[in-house]
Amino acid sequence: MKNFLPDITQIPIRSPFLKRKKSCPLSGEKAPKIDYKDTKLLKKYLSERGKIIPSRVTSVSSKKQRELAQAVKRARFLALLPYKMD
């Protein structure tokens, strides 16, 4: 009688910890410019409570994350964005 199960030693095993590097959505030629007046773009990077979402979640580079944080803070100061959302 033949064994119909595949040989387990031939199946490649992927590591669950290796993940592909994400590219920054705010870098590149066609990327949107970060501006404190562009509240529609800034709201994408705010949580439902009004906090800035960390770059490890949004895959934004550290340079662009600093620019984003500065733009959000300016928009809050000028009352274009609320400090906290209820």
N, C-alpha and C. Protein backbone atom coordinates (compact mmCIF):
# COMPACT_ATOMS: atom_id res chain seq x y z
N MET A 1 0.84 -1.17 0.00
CA MET A 1 0.00 0.00 0.00
C MET A 1 0.89 1.24 0.00
N LYS A 2 0.58 2.18 -0.87
CA LYS A 2 1.39 3.39 -1.00
C LYS A 2 0.92 4.46 -0.02
N ASN A 3 1.86 5.28 0.38
CA ASN A 3 1.56 6.40 1.27
C ASN A 3 1.16 7.60 0.40
N PHE A 4 -0.06 8.09 0.54
CA PHE A 4 -0.55 9.19 -0.27
C PHE A 4 -0.32 10.56 0.35
N LEU A 5 0.24 10.60 1.53
CA LEU A 5 0.54 11.88 2.18
C LEU A 5 1.81 12.47 1.60
N PRO A 6 1.89 13.79 1.46
CA PRO A 6 3.12 14.39 0.93
C PRO A 6 4.26 14.27 1.93
N ASP A 7 5.46 14.27 1.40
CA ASP A 7 6.64 14.19 2.25
C ASP A 7 6.81 15.53 2.97
N ILE A 8 6.77 15.52 4.27
CA ILE A 8 6.81 16.75 5.07
C ILE A 8 8.16 17.46 4.95
N THR A 9 9.21 16.73 4.71
CA THR A 9 10.54 17.35 4.63
C THR A 9 10.70 18.22 3.39
N GLN A 10 9.83 18.08 2.40
CA GLN A 10 9.94 18.85 1.16
C GLN A 10 9.16 20.16 1.19
N ILE A 11 8.31 20.37 2.18
CA ILE A 11 7.48 21.57 2.26
C ILE A 11 8.30 22.68 2.94
N PRO A 12 8.49 23.84 2.27
CA PRO A 12 9.24 24.92 2.92
C PRO A 12 8.43 25.54 4.06
N ILE A 13 9.10 25.85 5.13
CA ILE A 13 8.45 26.44 6.30
C ILE A 13 8.81 27.92 6.35
N ARG A 14 7.80 28.76 6.39
CA ARG A 14 8.03 30.21 6.49
C ARG A 14 8.08 30.61 7.95
N SER A 15 8.96 31.53 8.23
CA SER A 15 9.06 32.03 9.59
C SER A 15 7.90 32.99 9.85
N PRO A 16 7.20 32.86 10.96
CA PRO A 16 6.07 33.76 11.23
C PRO A 16 6.53 35.17 11.61
N PHE A 17 7.82 35.35 11.88
CA PHE A 17 8.31 36.64 12.34
C PHE A 17 8.88 37.50 11.22
N LEU A 18 9.19 36.91 10.09
CA LEU A 18 9.72 37.70 8.98
C LEU A 18 8.57 38.38 8.24
N LYS A 19 8.66 39.68 8.15
CA LYS A 19 7.64 40.43 7.43
C LYS A 19 8.32 41.32 6.41
N ARG A 20 7.63 41.61 5.35
CA ARG A 20 8.18 42.47 4.33
C ARG A 20 8.27 43.90 4.84
N LYS A 21 9.28 44.59 4.37
CA LYS A 21 9.44 45.98 4.76
C LYS A 21 8.41 46.82 4.01
N LYS A 22 7.66 47.61 4.73
CA LYS A 22 6.64 48.44 4.12
C LYS A 22 7.28 49.74 3.64
N SER A 23 6.82 50.25 2.54
CA SER A 23 7.33 51.52 2.06
C SER A 23 6.50 52.66 2.65
N CYS A 24 7.14 53.78 2.82
CA CYS A 24 6.49 54.94 3.42
C CYS A 24 5.47 55.53 2.44
N PRO A 25 4.22 55.70 2.85
CA PRO A 25 3.21 56.27 1.95
C PRO A 25 3.38 57.77 1.71
N LEU A 26 4.22 58.43 2.50
CA LEU A 26 4.41 59.87 2.36
C LEU A 26 5.74 60.22 1.69
N SER A 27 6.51 59.21 1.27
CA SER A 27 7.76 59.43 0.56
C SER A 27 7.58 59.05 -0.91
N GLY A 28 8.39 59.62 -1.75
CA GLY A 28 8.31 59.30 -3.17
C GLY A 28 7.85 60.49 -3.98
N GLU A 29 7.82 60.28 -5.29
CA GLU A 29 7.48 61.37 -6.21
C GLU A 29 6.01 61.77 -6.13
N LYS A 30 5.13 60.80 -6.10
CA LYS A 30 3.69 61.10 -6.13
C LYS A 30 3.06 61.15 -4.75
N ALA A 31 3.89 61.21 -3.73
CA ALA A 31 3.38 61.24 -2.36
C ALA A 31 2.79 62.62 -2.06
N PRO A 32 1.75 62.67 -1.24
CA PRO A 32 1.17 63.97 -0.89
C PRO A 32 2.12 64.77 0.00
N LYS A 33 2.07 66.07 -0.15
CA LYS A 33 2.90 66.97 0.65
C LYS A 33 2.24 67.13 2.02
N ILE A 34 3.03 67.05 3.08
CA ILE A 34 2.49 67.21 4.43
C ILE A 34 2.35 68.70 4.71
N ASP A 35 1.11 69.13 4.96
CA ASP A 35 0.83 70.53 5.23
C ASP A 35 -0.19 70.61 6.35
N TYR A 36 -0.01 71.56 7.25
CA TYR A 36 -0.93 71.68 8.39
C TYR A 36 -2.34 72.08 7.96
N LYS A 37 -2.48 72.65 6.77
CA LYS A 37 -3.81 73.06 6.29
C LYS A 37 -4.58 71.90 5.65
N ASP A 38 -3.88 70.82 5.33
CA ASP A 38 -4.50 69.65 4.71
C ASP A 38 -5.04 68.72 5.81
N THR A 39 -6.17 69.08 6.37
CA THR A 39 -6.72 68.33 7.51
C THR A 39 -7.23 66.95 7.09
N LYS A 40 -7.62 66.81 5.83
CA LYS A 40 -8.09 65.51 5.35
C LYS A 40 -6.96 64.47 5.42
N LEU A 41 -5.76 64.87 5.01
CA LEU A 41 -4.60 63.98 5.08
C LEU A 41 -4.20 63.73 6.53
N LEU A 42 -4.20 64.76 7.35
CA LEU A 42 -3.77 64.61 8.74
C LEU A 42 -4.71 63.71 9.54
N LYS A 43 -6.00 63.75 9.23
CA LYS A 43 -6.97 62.92 9.97
C LYS A 43 -6.76 61.44 9.72
N LYS A 44 -6.13 61.08 8.59
CA LYS A 44 -5.83 59.67 8.31
C LYS A 44 -4.83 59.11 9.32
N TYR A 45 -4.00 59.98 9.87
CA TYR A 45 -2.95 59.55 10.79
C TYR A 45 -3.28 59.86 12.24
N LEU A 46 -4.56 60.14 12.52
CA LEU A 46 -5.03 60.34 13.89
C LEU A 46 -5.96 59.20 14.26
N SER A 47 -5.92 58.81 15.53
CA SER A 47 -6.83 57.77 16.00
C SER A 47 -8.22 58.38 16.19
N GLU A 48 -9.18 57.54 16.52
CA GLU A 48 -10.54 58.03 16.74
C GLU A 48 -10.63 58.92 17.97
N ARG A 49 -9.63 58.84 18.85
CA ARG A 49 -9.58 59.70 20.03
C ARG A 49 -8.79 60.99 19.78
N GLY A 50 -8.17 61.11 18.60
CA GLY A 50 -7.43 62.32 18.26
C GLY A 50 -5.94 62.23 18.48
N LYS A 51 -5.43 61.06 18.85
CA LYS A 51 -3.99 60.90 19.07
C LYS A 51 -3.30 60.55 17.75
N ILE A 52 -2.03 60.91 17.64
CA ILE A 52 -1.26 60.59 16.45
C ILE A 52 -0.90 59.11 16.48
N ILE A 53 -1.20 58.40 15.41
CA ILE A 53 -0.93 56.96 15.33
C ILE A 53 0.57 56.76 15.12
N PRO A 54 1.20 55.81 15.84
CA PRO A 54 2.65 55.62 15.72
C PRO A 54 3.06 55.12 14.33
N SER A 55 4.31 55.40 13.98
CA SER A 55 4.81 55.06 12.65
C SER A 55 4.92 53.55 12.43
N ARG A 56 5.06 52.76 13.49
CA ARG A 56 5.14 51.31 13.31
C ARG A 56 3.81 50.74 12.83
N VAL A 57 2.72 51.47 13.07
CA VAL A 57 1.40 51.04 12.61
C VAL A 57 1.13 51.57 11.20
N THR A 58 1.47 52.84 10.96
CA THR A 58 1.17 53.48 9.68
C THR A 58 2.25 53.28 8.63
N SER A 59 3.41 52.74 9.03
CA SER A 59 4.58 52.50 8.17
C SER A 59 5.12 53.79 7.54
N VAL A 60 5.05 54.88 8.28
CA VAL A 60 5.61 56.15 7.85
C VAL A 60 7.06 56.21 8.33
N SER A 61 7.96 56.75 7.51
CA SER A 61 9.36 56.86 7.90
C SER A 61 9.50 57.83 9.07
N SER A 62 10.62 57.74 9.78
CA SER A 62 10.79 58.57 10.98
C SER A 62 10.85 60.06 10.63
N LYS A 63 11.46 60.39 9.51
CA LYS A 63 11.53 61.80 9.08
C LYS A 63 10.13 62.35 8.79
N LYS A 64 9.35 61.58 8.05
CA LYS A 64 8.00 62.01 7.70
C LYS A 64 7.08 61.99 8.93
N GLN A 65 7.34 61.09 9.88
CA GLN A 65 6.55 61.04 11.11
C GLN A 65 6.76 62.32 11.92
N ARG A 66 8.00 62.81 11.96
CA ARG A 66 8.27 64.08 12.67
C ARG A 66 7.57 65.24 11.98
N GLU A 67 7.61 65.28 10.64
CA GLU A 67 6.92 66.33 9.90
C GLU A 67 5.41 66.25 10.13
N LEU A 68 4.90 65.04 10.14
CA LEU A 68 3.47 64.81 10.36
C LEU A 68 3.05 65.29 11.75
N ALA A 69 3.85 64.96 12.76
CA ALA A 69 3.55 65.38 14.13
C ALA A 69 3.56 66.90 14.25
N GLN A 70 4.54 67.54 13.61
CA GLN A 70 4.63 69.00 13.65
C GLN A 70 3.42 69.63 12.96
N ALA A 71 2.99 69.06 11.84
CA ALA A 71 1.83 69.59 11.12
C ALA A 71 0.56 69.42 11.93
N VAL A 72 0.41 68.28 12.61
CA VAL A 72 -0.78 68.04 13.44
C VAL A 72 -0.80 69.04 14.60
N LYS A 73 0.34 69.27 15.21
CA LYS A 73 0.41 70.21 16.34
C LYS A 73 0.09 71.63 15.90
N ARG A 74 0.56 72.02 14.71
CA ARG A 74 0.24 73.36 14.19
C ARG A 74 -1.25 73.48 13.89
N ALA A 75 -1.81 72.44 13.29
CA ALA A 75 -3.24 72.46 12.96
C ALA A 75 -4.09 72.51 14.22
N ARG A 76 -3.67 71.83 15.27
CA ARG A 76 -4.39 71.90 16.55
C ARG A 76 -4.31 73.30 17.14
N PHE A 77 -3.12 73.90 17.08
CA PHE A 77 -2.94 75.24 17.64
C PHE A 77 -3.80 76.27 16.92
N LEU A 78 -3.97 76.10 15.62
CA LEU A 78 -4.78 77.03 14.83
C LEU A 78 -6.25 76.62 14.76
N ALA A 79 -6.63 75.63 15.55
CA ALA A 79 -8.02 75.14 15.67
C ALA A 79 -8.54 74.54 14.36
N LEU A 80 -7.64 74.01 13.54
CA LEU A 80 -8.08 73.28 12.35
C LEU A 80 -8.41 71.83 12.69
N LEU A 81 -7.75 71.32 13.74
CA LEU A 81 -8.01 69.97 14.26
C LEU A 81 -8.28 70.07 15.75
N PRO A 82 -9.14 69.23 16.28
CA PRO A 82 -9.38 69.25 17.73
C PRO A 82 -8.23 68.56 18.47
N TYR A 83 -8.02 68.95 19.72
CA TYR A 83 -6.99 68.31 20.54
C TYR A 83 -7.41 66.90 20.92
N LYS A 84 -8.68 66.72 21.20
CA LYS A 84 -9.18 65.37 21.47
C LYS A 84 -10.59 65.26 20.91
N MET A 85 -10.92 64.05 20.48
CA MET A 85 -12.24 63.80 19.91
C MET A 85 -13.02 62.93 20.88
N ASP A 86 -14.28 63.21 21.01
CA ASP A 86 -15.12 62.42 21.93
C ASP A 86 -16.00 61.46 21.19
